[in-house]
Amino acid sequence: MYVRPARRIAAVLAAAALVVPTTATAAPTTSTKQPVVPKLNWGSCGSAPELKPFQCATVEVPTDYDHPRGPTTTIALTRLPASDPAHRIGTLFTNPGGPGGPGVDFIQQVAQIAYTPQVRAQFDILGFDPRGVGKSDPATCYRTEAEEQKVLASQPAFPVTHAEERAYTTWGIKVGLHCTAFAGDKLAHMSTANVARDMDLLRQAVGDDKLSYVGYSYGTYLGATYAKLFPTRVRALVLDGTLSPTGYSGSDGDRRPFGVRVAQGDGAAATFAQFKAECRKAGPDRCSLAKLGDPSTVIEKLFKRLKTHPVVVTLPDGTTTTVTYQVAVVVGFQHMYDPAGWPELADLYSQLAAPAKRSKVPAALAEWTKHREVYPSLAQAMQPCIETAKAGRPLAYPEYADAADKTGPHFGRFRAWISQPCESMPVKDTDAFKGPWPNEVKAPVLVIGTRYDPATPYQATRPYADLFPAARMLTVEGYGHTTLFKSNCADARITTYLTTLQAPADGSTCQQDRKPFDPIPAGKKLVQGAVVQ
């Protein structure tokens, strides 16, 4: 659920974190001592020209808030200073999703184009790597990156045959135990509640009385958690691509795997159906897949063939990669996040379906091989393993996957398996917060859902909004995960809300700026999915 700055989402196992242990409802810290507010010493982020507009810092926060004056962990952060200091409102905190999304890279790559000039003028825009992630004392499951990559490459993204299911289950148990051995001490303090506590310390460190925050995907779960722990310290919350708190945590008693509980398979399948429908409407002139016939028929035949006859493709560097059924599904899932990439996906499927016509490496496949691993380590994506409810039946995943595949063809099976390694992890963070989720934030909160979202399905948006007494729900009529780079209308509503605290009417709607297969106007180009000069 990590919102990738580079337009493409995760892949294989690290593509979305997973799930496991549970405790009772809330687990507040017990110490009467208050943690020390860190002092920020902003400095250079490096010599690269693209980093010149940004400032960077690191601070120490309590590893365990039950012992706030005890051992500490390092948090790395960056900010884009407000361009109009005279009219500065404060600091805008952000989280790009995940769990495990590095907030420093996110801000340094997208802040100058993701936020409107007015927001950039009146806010310092801040991103931080949550504890255990990126540059913040990163958790790792293996001694070296090469060793971890070898382990990840030893299994398909998800199993299909009975033999693959048995092998994957054994592999998942080993991975879970290995992560426990190498990263258990860090994972035991990586709950979202502790990230929220870190964010509140950072809020104090930048001198803001109340928090202004934009959270995407998993970042909406962080926002909901902060609102529960610090309801009187909220100035503004923009919660875009809502992750159901009850579904994520399992606090409603649902003990299906995490990927099933949050309905990602269903959301992805529904969005994939729109991909095929929009391709059909665009026709062969704008969607290459439509040249081969009805896109649904072509894709189903292709997927069926790939299960027994994978395709070997030569990459630009001369190496080869094998496109299996699983790869075709995972790449499809990634591309559902951003409709700007749908033409590339259509090119990939059409060239795989008609290999004799393949003249070059499909852009979607080249992008996938380049960005297969989103996180520096698998451990950094395993936050749900220590704070959410596990299924408790590690050998029953084939059953869960079969059921999920019926309601969300292809993608349901993929998402059902993502939490399997968590089943063998005994580590949990006893300071995690798991509900109840209705909160007491009195300020208006802006909750945004995209009609066809593969990772945080639209159906969760209204129930999420109903957790807040004064929520205003905004629907973006379109496709993809979150509104980033997709709707000028939504950007304007967010800007007005953040700068004036005037939220749109509950039930408002916005349109996306362009259809997925619309041609790019002459003299313009796509940058992060947005059409620019």
Protein backbone atom coordinates (compact mmCIF):
# COMPACT_ATOMS: atom_id res chain seq x y z
CA MET A 1 0.00 0.00 0.00
CA TYR A 2 2.97 2.21 -0.27
CA VAL A 3 2.45 5.17 -2.60
CA ARG A 4 5.55 5.03 -4.80
CA PRO A 5 6.93 8.41 -5.89
CA ALA A 6 7.99 6.89 -9.20
CA ARG A 7 4.49 5.99 -10.34
CA ARG A 8 4.96 2.29 -9.73
CA ILE A 9 4.12 0.35 -6.65
CA ALA A 10 5.83 -2.47 -4.90
CA ALA A 11 6.39 -5.93 -6.21
CA VAL A 12 6.57 -9.50 -5.16
CA LEU A 13 6.41 -9.96 -1.37
CA ALA A 14 7.55 -6.52 -0.32
CA ALA A 15 4.73 -5.01 -2.37
CA ALA A 16 2.50 -4.62 0.62
CA ALA A 17 3.19 -5.50 4.14
CA LEU A 18 1.44 -8.32 5.79
CA VAL A 19 0.00 -9.23 9.15
CA VAL A 20 -0.09 -11.09 12.43
CA PRO A 21 -0.21 -11.07 16.22
CA THR A 22 -2.93 -9.47 18.24
CA THR A 23 -3.44 -8.20 21.74
CA ALA A 24 -6.46 -6.62 23.36
CA THR A 25 -7.73 -3.21 22.31
CA ALA A 26 -5.66 -0.20 23.25
CA ALA A 27 -2.22 -0.47 24.82
CA PRO A 28 -1.36 2.95 26.22
CA THR A 29 2.10 3.63 27.58
CA THR A 30 2.38 3.28 31.32
CA SER A 31 5.18 5.64 32.29
CA THR A 32 4.34 8.90 34.06
CA LYS A 33 7.54 10.47 32.76
CA GLN A 34 7.35 12.51 29.59
CA PRO A 35 9.76 11.92 26.72
CA VAL A 36 12.22 14.68 25.92
CA VAL A 37 11.23 16.77 22.91
CA PRO A 38 14.12 16.43 20.46
CA LYS A 39 15.99 19.43 19.16
CA LEU A 40 16.07 19.74 15.40
CA ASN A 41 19.28 20.85 13.72
CA TRP A 42 18.42 21.19 10.05
CA GLY A 43 21.28 20.87 7.59
CA SER A 44 22.19 19.89 4.06
CA CYS A 45 20.73 16.74 2.51
CA GLY A 46 23.76 16.19 0.28
CA SER A 47 25.57 17.60 -2.69
CA ALA A 48 23.19 16.40 -5.41
CA PRO A 49 21.60 19.40 -7.14
CA GLU A 50 18.08 17.98 -6.79
CA LEU A 51 18.49 17.94 -2.99
CA LYS A 52 19.43 21.61 -2.70
CA PRO A 53 15.87 22.84 -1.91
CA PHE A 54 15.57 20.42 1.02
CA GLN A 55 16.88 20.32 4.57
CA CYS A 56 17.60 17.16 6.53
CA ALA A 57 17.99 16.17 10.17
CA THR A 58 18.02 13.19 12.48
CA VAL A 59 16.65 13.02 16.00
CA GLU A 60 16.52 10.49 18.81
CA VAL A 61 13.16 9.29 20.18
CA PRO A 62 12.38 6.69 22.85
CA THR A 63 12.61 3.13 21.61
CA ASP A 64 9.95 2.17 24.16
CA TYR A 65 7.55 4.87 25.34
CA ASP A 66 6.95 2.88 28.51
CA HIS A 67 10.53 3.91 29.29
CA PRO A 68 10.69 7.38 27.74
CA ARG A 69 14.08 8.22 29.23
CA GLY A 70 15.61 4.90 28.25
CA PRO A 71 17.22 3.66 24.99
CA THR A 72 16.50 5.65 21.85
CA THR A 73 16.04 5.05 18.15
CA THR A 74 17.01 7.37 15.31
CA ILE A 75 14.43 9.05 13.11
CA ALA A 76 15.53 10.59 9.80
CA LEU A 77 13.51 13.46 8.39
CA THR A 78 13.54 16.04 5.65
CA ARG A 79 11.59 19.18 4.85
CA LEU A 80 10.91 21.53 1.97
CA PRO A 81 10.81 24.95 3.69
CA ALA A 82 7.83 27.21 3.06
CA SER A 83 8.49 29.50 0.11
CA ASP A 84 6.63 32.41 1.75
CA PRO A 85 7.87 32.47 5.36
CA ALA A 86 5.93 35.65 6.12
CA HIS A 87 2.65 33.78 5.61
CA ARG A 88 3.79 30.43 6.93
CA ILE A 89 1.10 28.46 8.77
CA GLY A 90 3.29 25.68 10.10
CA THR A 91 4.58 22.26 9.13
CA LEU A 92 2.67 19.76 7.00
CA PHE A 93 3.54 16.21 8.07
CA THR A 94 3.17 13.43 5.49
CA ASN A 95 3.25 9.66 5.25
CA PRO A 96 3.40 7.93 1.83
CA GLY A 97 1.96 4.59 2.90
CA GLY A 98 3.32 1.10 3.25
CA PRO A 99 3.68 0.16 5.97
CA GLY A 100 7.35 0.70 5.39
CA GLY A 101 7.24 3.56 2.91
CA PRO A 102 10.27 5.87 3.34
CA GLY A 103 8.96 9.38 3.87
CA VAL A 104 12.29 11.10 3.25
CA ASP A 105 12.59 9.84 -0.32
CA PHE A 106 8.90 10.52 -0.91
CA ILE A 107 9.15 14.20 -0.04
CA GLN A 108 12.44 14.74 -1.83
CA GLN A 109 11.04 13.20 -5.01
CA VAL A 110 7.51 14.59 -5.16
CA ALA A 111 6.93 17.51 -2.78
CA GLN A 112 7.70 20.14 -5.41
CA ILE A 113 5.03 18.80 -7.77
CA ALA A 114 2.57 16.91 -5.56
CA TYR A 115 1.52 19.96 -3.54
CA THR A 116 0.14 23.18 -4.96
CA PRO A 117 2.16 26.41 -4.91
CA GLN A 118 -0.08 27.77 -2.16
CA VAL A 119 0.55 24.77 0.10
CA ARG A 120 4.28 24.95 -0.59
CA ALA A 121 4.22 28.68 0.18
CA GLN A 122 2.51 28.37 3.56
CA PHE A 123 3.86 25.10 4.92
CA ASP A 124 7.16 23.48 5.54
CA ILE A 125 6.45 20.06 3.99
CA LEU A 126 7.99 17.34 6.12
CA GLY A 127 8.60 13.66 5.53
CA PHE A 128 10.18 11.18 7.90
CA ASP A 129 11.22 7.55 7.68
CA PRO A 130 9.15 5.73 10.31
CA ARG A 131 11.14 3.85 12.94
CA GLY A 132 12.82 0.78 11.51
CA VAL A 133 12.49 2.05 7.93
CA GLY A 134 14.94 3.55 5.46
CA LYS A 135 17.41 5.79 7.27
CA SER A 136 15.71 5.39 10.67
CA ASP A 137 17.61 2.52 12.31
CA PRO A 138 16.40 0.12 9.59
CA ALA A 139 15.29 -3.38 10.51
CA THR A 140 16.77 -6.18 8.39
CA CYS A 141 15.97 -9.87 8.11
CA TYR A 142 19.28 -11.05 6.65
CA ARG A 143 22.96 -10.27 6.97
CA THR A 144 23.26 -8.77 3.50
CA GLU A 145 20.96 -7.44 0.82
CA ALA A 146 22.27 -10.06 -1.59
CA GLU A 147 21.31 -12.84 0.79
CA GLU A 148 17.81 -11.44 1.19
CA GLN A 149 17.33 -10.98 -2.54
CA LYS A 150 18.33 -14.58 -3.11
CA VAL A 151 15.74 -15.73 -0.57
CA LEU A 152 12.99 -13.57 -2.09
CA ALA A 153 13.82 -14.78 -5.59
CA SER A 154 13.58 -18.43 -4.55
CA GLN A 155 9.78 -18.40 -4.60
CA PRO A 156 7.13 -16.95 -6.94
CA ALA A 157 5.21 -13.89 -5.79
CA PHE A 158 2.39 -16.24 -4.82
CA PRO A 159 1.76 -19.96 -5.31
CA VAL A 160 -0.74 -21.49 -7.71
CA THR A 161 -0.23 -25.25 -7.81
CA HIS A 162 -0.43 -27.56 -4.79
CA ALA A 163 3.31 -28.15 -4.98
CA GLU A 164 3.96 -24.40 -5.03
CA GLU A 165 1.61 -23.91 -2.06
CA ARG A 166 3.50 -26.48 0.01
CA ALA A 167 6.86 -24.98 -0.90
CA TYR A 168 5.65 -21.43 -0.28
CA THR A 169 4.26 -22.34 3.13
CA THR A 170 7.57 -23.85 4.18
CA TRP A 171 9.42 -20.85 2.78
CA GLY A 172 7.10 -18.40 4.58
CA ILE A 173 7.69 -20.11 7.92
CA LYS A 174 11.45 -19.91 7.44
CA VAL A 175 11.30 -16.24 6.43
CA GLY A 176 9.15 -15.36 9.44
CA LEU A 177 11.50 -17.10 11.83
CA HIS A 178 14.53 -15.51 10.20
CA CYS A 179 13.04 -12.03 10.50
CA THR A 180 12.20 -12.72 14.13
CA ALA A 181 15.80 -13.75 14.84
CA PHE A 182 17.42 -10.82 13.04
CA ALA A 183 14.91 -7.99 13.54
CA GLY A 184 12.70 -9.06 16.45
CA ASP A 185 14.12 -6.48 18.84
CA LYS A 186 13.28 -3.66 16.43
CA LEU A 187 9.99 -5.07 15.19
CA ALA A 188 8.78 -5.30 18.79
CA HIS A 189 8.65 -1.48 18.91
CA MET A 190 7.57 -0.68 15.32
CA SER A 191 3.80 -0.45 15.83
CA THR A 192 1.83 2.34 14.22
CA ALA A 193 1.02 3.66 17.70
CA ASN A 194 4.72 4.22 18.34
CA VAL A 195 5.09 5.93 14.96
CA ALA A 196 2.19 8.19 15.98
CA ARG A 197 3.97 8.95 19.25
CA ASP A 198 7.13 9.76 17.30
CA MET A 199 5.12 12.08 15.05
CA ASP A 200 3.72 13.90 18.05
CA LEU A 201 7.24 14.47 19.39
CA LEU A 202 8.26 15.79 15.97
CA ARG A 203 5.21 18.07 15.97
CA GLN A 204 6.44 19.58 19.21
CA ALA A 205 9.99 19.76 17.88
CA VAL A 206 8.94 21.92 14.90
CA GLY A 207 6.99 24.19 17.25
CA ASP A 208 3.43 23.48 16.09
CA ASP A 209 0.64 23.49 18.67
CA LYS A 210 -1.43 21.09 16.58
CA LEU A 211 -0.75 18.64 13.77
CA SER A 212 -1.39 19.28 10.09
CA TYR A 213 -1.07 15.98 8.26
CA VAL A 214 -1.57 14.30 4.90
CA GLY A 215 -1.57 10.50 4.92
CA TYR A 216 -1.89 8.21 1.92
CA SER A 217 -2.99 4.56 2.02
CA TYR A 218 -1.46 3.03 5.18
CA GLY A 219 -0.81 6.65 6.15
CA THR A 220 -4.56 6.93 6.79
CA TYR A 221 -4.21 4.20 9.43
CA LEU A 222 -1.42 6.22 11.00
CA GLY A 223 -3.74 9.24 10.88
CA ALA A 224 -6.57 7.32 12.55
CA THR A 225 -4.18 6.10 15.24
CA TYR A 226 -2.83 9.59 15.90
CA ALA A 227 -6.38 10.89 16.16
CA LYS A 228 -7.17 8.26 18.80
CA LEU A 229 -4.04 8.87 20.86
CA PHE A 230 -3.95 12.68 20.52
CA PRO A 231 -7.47 13.88 19.63
CA THR A 232 -6.96 17.42 20.98
CA ARG A 233 -3.76 17.96 19.01
CA VAL A 234 -5.25 17.79 15.52
CA ARG A 235 -5.41 20.88 13.34
CA ALA A 236 -6.04 19.24 9.94
CA LEU A 237 -6.04 15.68 8.63
CA VAL A 238 -6.16 14.80 4.94
CA LEU A 239 -6.70 11.04 4.72
CA ASP A 240 -6.41 9.86 1.13
CA GLY A 241 -6.96 6.22 0.12
CA THR A 242 -8.43 5.01 3.39
CA LEU A 243 -7.30 1.75 4.92
CA SER A 244 -10.05 0.29 7.10
CA PRO A 245 -8.76 0.40 10.70
CA THR A 246 -10.86 -2.59 11.71
CA GLY A 247 -9.87 -4.56 8.62
CA TYR A 248 -6.19 -3.78 9.00
CA SER A 249 -6.02 -4.45 12.72
CA GLY A 250 -8.54 -7.31 12.79
CA SER A 251 -10.23 -5.64 15.75
CA ASP A 252 -13.65 -6.71 14.46
CA GLY A 253 -12.82 -10.37 15.04
CA ASP A 254 -12.24 -11.26 11.38
CA ARG A 255 -9.41 -13.81 11.35
CA ARG A 256 -8.94 -14.17 7.63
CA PRO A 257 -5.51 -13.15 6.31
CA PHE A 258 -4.78 -9.44 6.23
CA GLY A 259 -4.83 -9.17 2.42
CA VAL A 260 -8.28 -10.76 2.39
CA ARG A 261 -9.65 -8.66 5.25
CA VAL A 262 -8.88 -5.37 3.56
CA ALA A 263 -10.39 -6.65 0.26
CA GLN A 264 -7.39 -5.81 -1.91
CA GLY A 265 -8.11 -8.71 -4.25
CA ASP A 266 -11.64 -7.48 -4.80
CA GLY A 267 -10.50 -3.87 -5.25
CA ALA A 268 -7.80 -4.84 -7.71
CA ALA A 269 -10.14 -7.09 -9.71
CA ALA A 270 -12.72 -4.30 -9.95
CA THR A 271 -10.08 -1.82 -11.10
CA PHE A 272 -8.67 -4.39 -13.55
CA ALA A 273 -12.15 -4.75 -15.04
CA GLN A 274 -12.14 -0.98 -15.62
CA PHE A 275 -8.71 -1.25 -17.27
CA LYS A 276 -10.11 -3.74 -19.76
CA ALA A 277 -13.30 -1.73 -20.28
CA GLU A 278 -11.41 1.54 -20.88
CA CYS A 279 -9.07 -0.25 -23.29
CA ARG A 280 -12.07 -1.54 -25.21
CA LYS A 281 -13.55 1.98 -25.37
CA ALA A 282 -10.25 3.50 -26.46
CA GLY A 283 -10.01 1.05 -29.34
CA PRO A 284 -6.96 -0.21 -31.22
CA ASP A 285 -5.68 3.27 -32.06
CA ARG A 286 -5.07 4.13 -28.41
CA CYS A 287 -4.89 0.73 -26.70
CA SER A 288 -2.67 -1.84 -28.35
CA LEU A 289 -4.39 -4.71 -26.56
CA ALA A 290 -7.65 -3.94 -28.37
CA LYS A 291 -5.94 -4.76 -31.68
CA LEU A 292 -5.98 -8.43 -30.70
CA GLY A 293 -9.69 -8.58 -29.89
CA ASP A 294 -11.77 -8.13 -26.78
CA PRO A 295 -9.27 -7.24 -24.00
CA SER A 296 -10.97 -9.50 -21.44
CA THR A 297 -10.80 -12.51 -23.73
CA VAL A 298 -7.21 -11.83 -24.78
CA ILE A 299 -6.02 -11.43 -21.18
CA GLU A 300 -7.79 -14.53 -19.87
CA LYS A 301 -6.29 -16.63 -22.67
CA LEU A 302 -2.87 -15.13 -21.97
CA PHE A 303 -3.05 -15.77 -18.22
CA LYS A 304 -4.14 -19.36 -18.82
CA ARG A 305 -1.25 -19.96 -21.21
CA LEU A 306 1.33 -18.38 -18.92
CA LYS A 307 0.45 -20.84 -16.14
CA THR A 308 2.00 -23.64 -18.21
CA HIS A 309 4.10 -21.80 -20.80
CA PRO A 310 5.97 -18.80 -19.34
CA VAL A 311 7.59 -16.35 -21.76
CA VAL A 312 11.31 -15.53 -21.64
CA VAL A 313 12.02 -11.89 -22.48
CA THR A 314 15.42 -10.32 -23.15
CA LEU A 315 15.97 -7.07 -21.27
CA PRO A 316 17.86 -4.01 -22.58
CA ASP A 317 21.02 -5.01 -20.68
CA GLY A 318 21.08 -8.41 -22.37
CA THR A 319 19.83 -10.38 -19.38
CA THR A 320 16.59 -12.31 -19.53
CA THR A 321 13.55 -12.51 -17.31
CA THR A 322 10.80 -15.09 -17.30
CA VAL A 323 7.25 -13.80 -17.36
CA THR A 324 5.11 -16.32 -15.51
CA TYR A 325 1.42 -16.08 -14.71
CA GLN A 326 2.37 -14.71 -11.30
CA VAL A 327 4.55 -12.01 -12.81
CA ALA A 328 1.78 -10.98 -15.19
CA VAL A 329 -0.64 -10.65 -12.25
CA VAL A 330 1.80 -8.74 -10.02
CA VAL A 331 2.72 -6.30 -12.78
CA GLY A 332 -0.99 -5.84 -13.46
CA PHE A 333 -1.63 -5.13 -9.80
CA GLN A 334 1.13 -2.54 -9.69
CA HIS A 335 -0.19 -0.76 -12.76
CA MET A 336 -3.70 -0.53 -11.35
CA TYR A 337 -2.33 2.06 -8.91
CA ASP A 338 -1.93 4.68 -11.63
CA PRO A 339 -4.05 4.86 -14.80
CA ALA A 340 -1.29 6.84 -16.49
CA GLY A 341 0.55 3.53 -16.77
CA TRP A 342 -2.34 1.58 -18.28
CA PRO A 343 -1.15 2.01 -21.90
CA GLU A 344 2.19 0.46 -20.91
CA LEU A 345 0.38 -2.47 -19.31
CA ALA A 346 -1.72 -2.96 -22.43
CA ASP A 347 1.49 -2.99 -24.48
CA LEU A 348 2.97 -5.66 -22.22
CA TYR A 349 -0.04 -7.94 -22.41
CA SER A 350 -0.44 -7.49 -26.15
CA GLN A 351 3.23 -8.32 -26.80
CA LEU A 352 3.08 -11.36 -24.54
CA ALA A 353 -0.12 -12.50 -26.24
CA ALA A 354 1.41 -12.05 -29.70
CA PRO A 355 5.16 -12.71 -29.20
CA ALA A 356 5.86 -12.71 -32.92
CA LYS A 357 5.05 -8.99 -32.94
CA ARG A 358 7.34 -8.16 -30.02
CA SER A 359 9.86 -5.62 -31.25
CA LYS A 360 11.19 -4.30 -27.95
CA VAL A 361 10.97 -4.88 -24.24
CA PRO A 362 7.57 -3.69 -23.00
CA ALA A 363 8.00 -0.58 -20.86
CA ALA A 364 5.87 -2.06 -18.08
CA LEU A 365 8.18 -5.07 -17.79
CA ALA A 366 11.34 -2.97 -17.86
CA GLU A 367 9.89 -0.78 -15.10
CA TRP A 368 8.97 -3.83 -13.03
CA THR A 369 12.44 -5.37 -13.22
CA LYS A 370 13.95 -2.02 -12.26
CA HIS A 371 11.74 -1.49 -9.21
CA ARG A 372 11.00 -5.02 -8.04
CA GLU A 373 12.14 -4.28 -4.50
CA VAL A 374 10.61 -1.22 -2.90
CA TYR A 375 12.07 -1.63 0.56
CA PRO A 376 15.73 -1.98 1.53
CA SER A 377 14.70 -4.99 3.58
CA LEU A 378 11.66 -7.20 3.88
CA ALA A 379 11.60 -6.50 7.64
CA GLN A 380 10.71 -2.87 7.02
CA ALA A 381 7.45 -3.96 5.38
CA MET A 382 6.50 -6.30 8.23
CA GLN A 383 4.94 -3.81 10.61
CA PRO A 384 1.53 -5.54 10.42
CA CYS A 385 3.19 -8.72 11.67
CA ILE A 386 3.60 -7.18 15.11
CA GLU A 387 0.35 -5.24 15.44
CA THR A 388 -2.50 -6.89 13.55
CA ALA A 389 -4.52 -10.05 13.97
CA LYS A 390 -3.11 -13.16 12.34
CA ALA A 391 -5.21 -15.87 10.78
CA GLY A 392 -3.76 -18.45 13.14
CA ARG A 393 -4.04 -21.19 10.51
CA PRO A 394 -0.81 -21.10 8.47
CA LEU A 395 -1.66 -24.31 6.65
CA ALA A 396 -5.08 -23.01 5.60
CA TYR A 397 -3.80 -20.33 3.22
CA PRO A 398 -4.64 -22.39 0.12
CA GLU A 399 -8.25 -22.43 1.32
CA TYR A 400 -8.24 -18.67 1.94
CA ALA A 401 -6.63 -18.07 -1.46
CA ASP A 402 -9.17 -20.21 -3.33
CA ALA A 403 -12.04 -18.28 -1.74
CA ALA A 404 -10.40 -14.93 -2.46
CA ASP A 405 -9.77 -15.91 -6.08
CA LYS A 406 -13.49 -16.48 -6.61
CA THR A 407 -14.47 -12.94 -5.59
CA GLY A 408 -11.34 -11.24 -6.94
CA PRO A 409 -10.04 -13.32 -9.86
CA HIS A 410 -6.24 -13.49 -10.11
CA PHE A 411 -5.59 -10.72 -7.61
CA GLY A 412 -7.45 -12.27 -4.69
CA ARG A 413 -5.08 -15.22 -4.65
CA PHE A 414 -2.05 -12.93 -4.81
CA ARG A 415 -3.17 -10.70 -1.94
CA ALA A 416 -4.31 -13.62 0.23
CA TRP A 417 -0.75 -14.93 0.54
CA ILE A 418 1.09 -11.72 1.48
CA SER A 419 0.74 -12.26 5.23
CA GLN A 420 1.77 -15.91 5.31
CA PRO A 421 5.33 -15.28 6.60
CA CYS A 422 3.86 -13.43 9.57
CA GLU A 423 2.14 -16.56 10.85
CA SER A 424 5.41 -17.94 12.24
CA MET A 425 6.45 -14.69 13.96
CA PRO A 426 5.84 -14.60 17.72
CA VAL A 427 6.95 -10.96 18.02
CA LYS A 428 4.37 -8.33 18.89
CA ASP A 429 4.41 -4.75 20.08
CA THR A 430 2.43 -4.57 23.31
CA ASP A 431 2.08 -0.80 22.88
CA ALA A 432 0.14 -1.20 19.64
CA PHE A 433 -3.32 0.35 19.42
CA LYS A 434 -6.11 -1.83 18.02
CA GLY A 435 -9.27 0.08 18.76
CA PRO A 436 -11.98 0.98 19.40
CA TRP A 437 -11.74 3.36 16.46
CA PRO A 438 -14.50 5.99 16.79
CA ASN A 439 -12.70 9.13 17.96
CA GLU A 440 -13.23 12.53 19.50
CA VAL A 441 -11.49 14.83 17.02
CA LYS A 442 -13.74 17.88 16.78
CA ALA A 443 -12.04 19.56 13.83
CA PRO A 444 -13.31 18.79 10.32
CA VAL A 445 -11.33 15.97 8.71
CA LEU A 446 -11.01 15.50 4.95
CA VAL A 447 -11.44 11.84 3.93
CA ILE A 448 -10.85 11.00 0.26
CA GLY A 449 -11.61 7.88 -1.76
CA THR A 450 -11.10 7.07 -5.44
CA ARG A 451 -13.98 5.17 -7.03
CA TYR A 452 -11.77 2.35 -8.36
CA ASP A 453 -8.83 1.90 -5.99
CA PRO A 454 -7.02 -1.46 -6.10
CA ALA A 455 -5.30 -1.30 -2.71
CA THR A 456 -7.72 0.59 -0.47
CA PRO A 457 -11.12 -0.14 -2.02
CA TYR A 458 -13.62 2.71 -2.19
CA GLN A 459 -16.15 0.75 -0.13
CA ALA A 460 -14.06 1.44 2.99
CA THR A 461 -14.20 5.23 2.58
CA ARG A 462 -17.59 6.02 4.13
CA PRO A 463 -17.14 3.67 7.12
CA TYR A 464 -13.75 5.28 7.70
CA ALA A 465 -15.22 8.78 7.51
CA ASP A 466 -17.94 7.81 9.97
CA LEU A 467 -15.27 7.31 12.64
CA PHE A 468 -14.84 11.10 12.80
CA PRO A 469 -17.53 13.40 14.25
CA ALA A 470 -16.96 16.09 11.60
CA ALA A 471 -15.57 14.18 8.62
CA ARG A 472 -16.08 15.47 5.09
CA MET A 473 -15.91 12.72 2.49
CA LEU A 474 -14.67 13.58 -1.00
CA THR A 475 -15.03 11.08 -3.85
CA VAL A 476 -12.73 11.23 -6.87
CA GLU A 477 -14.49 9.67 -9.82
CA GLY A 478 -11.72 7.76 -11.47
CA TYR A 479 -9.13 5.05 -11.10
CA GLY A 480 -5.99 4.28 -9.14
CA HIS A 481 -4.58 4.41 -5.64
CA THR A 482 -4.96 7.79 -3.91
CA THR A 483 -5.44 11.11 -5.68
CA LEU A 484 -1.76 11.97 -6.13
CA PHE A 485 -1.17 13.45 -9.60
CA LYS A 486 -4.68 12.59 -10.74
CA SER A 487 -7.12 15.45 -10.04
CA ASN A 488 -6.62 19.21 -10.03
CA CYS A 489 -10.07 19.47 -8.49
CA ALA A 490 -9.04 17.32 -5.52
CA ASP A 491 -5.77 19.26 -5.20
CA ALA A 492 -7.75 22.51 -4.97
CA ARG A 493 -10.06 21.10 -2.28
CA ILE A 494 -7.06 19.86 -0.28
CA THR A 495 -5.31 23.23 -0.62
CA THR A 496 -8.34 25.18 0.61
CA TYR A 497 -8.77 22.83 3.55
CA LEU A 498 -5.13 22.89 4.63
CA THR A 499 -4.70 26.65 4.32
CA THR A 500 -8.08 27.88 5.60
CA LEU A 501 -9.51 24.83 7.44
CA GLN A 502 -12.59 25.14 5.23
CA ALA A 503 -13.43 21.56 4.25
CA PRO A 504 -15.69 20.77 1.29
CA ALA A 505 -19.24 19.62 1.92
CA ASP A 506 -19.57 15.99 2.93
CA GLY A 507 -20.31 13.90 -0.16
CA SER A 508 -18.50 16.19 -2.59
CA THR A 509 -17.07 14.77 -5.80
CA CYS A 510 -14.19 15.54 -8.15
CA GLN A 511 -13.29 14.18 -11.56
CA GLN A 512 -9.89 12.94 -12.64
CA ASP A 513 -8.11 15.16 -15.12
CA ARG A 514 -7.79 12.65 -17.93
CA LYS A 515 -8.99 9.24 -19.00
CA PRO A 516 -6.44 6.43 -18.84
CA PHE A 517 -5.94 6.09 -22.60
CA ASP A 518 -6.28 9.76 -23.52
CA PRO A 519 -3.42 10.89 -25.78
CA ILE A 520 -0.88 13.26 -24.29
CA PRO A 521 -1.26 16.72 -25.87
CA ALA A 522 1.49 17.87 -28.20
CA GLY A 523 4.33 19.60 -26.42
CA LYS A 524 3.50 18.05 -23.05
CA LYS A 525 4.66 14.98 -21.16
CA LEU A 526 3.75 12.79 -18.23
CA VAL A 527 5.60 13.47 -14.97
CA GLN A 528 4.59 11.25 -12.05
CA GLY A 529 1.37 10.56 -13.92
CA ALA A 530 0.47 14.22 -14.41
CA VAL A 531 0.47 16.00 -17.77
CA VAL A 532 2.89 18.95 -17.66
CA GLN A 533 4.69 21.22 -20.08
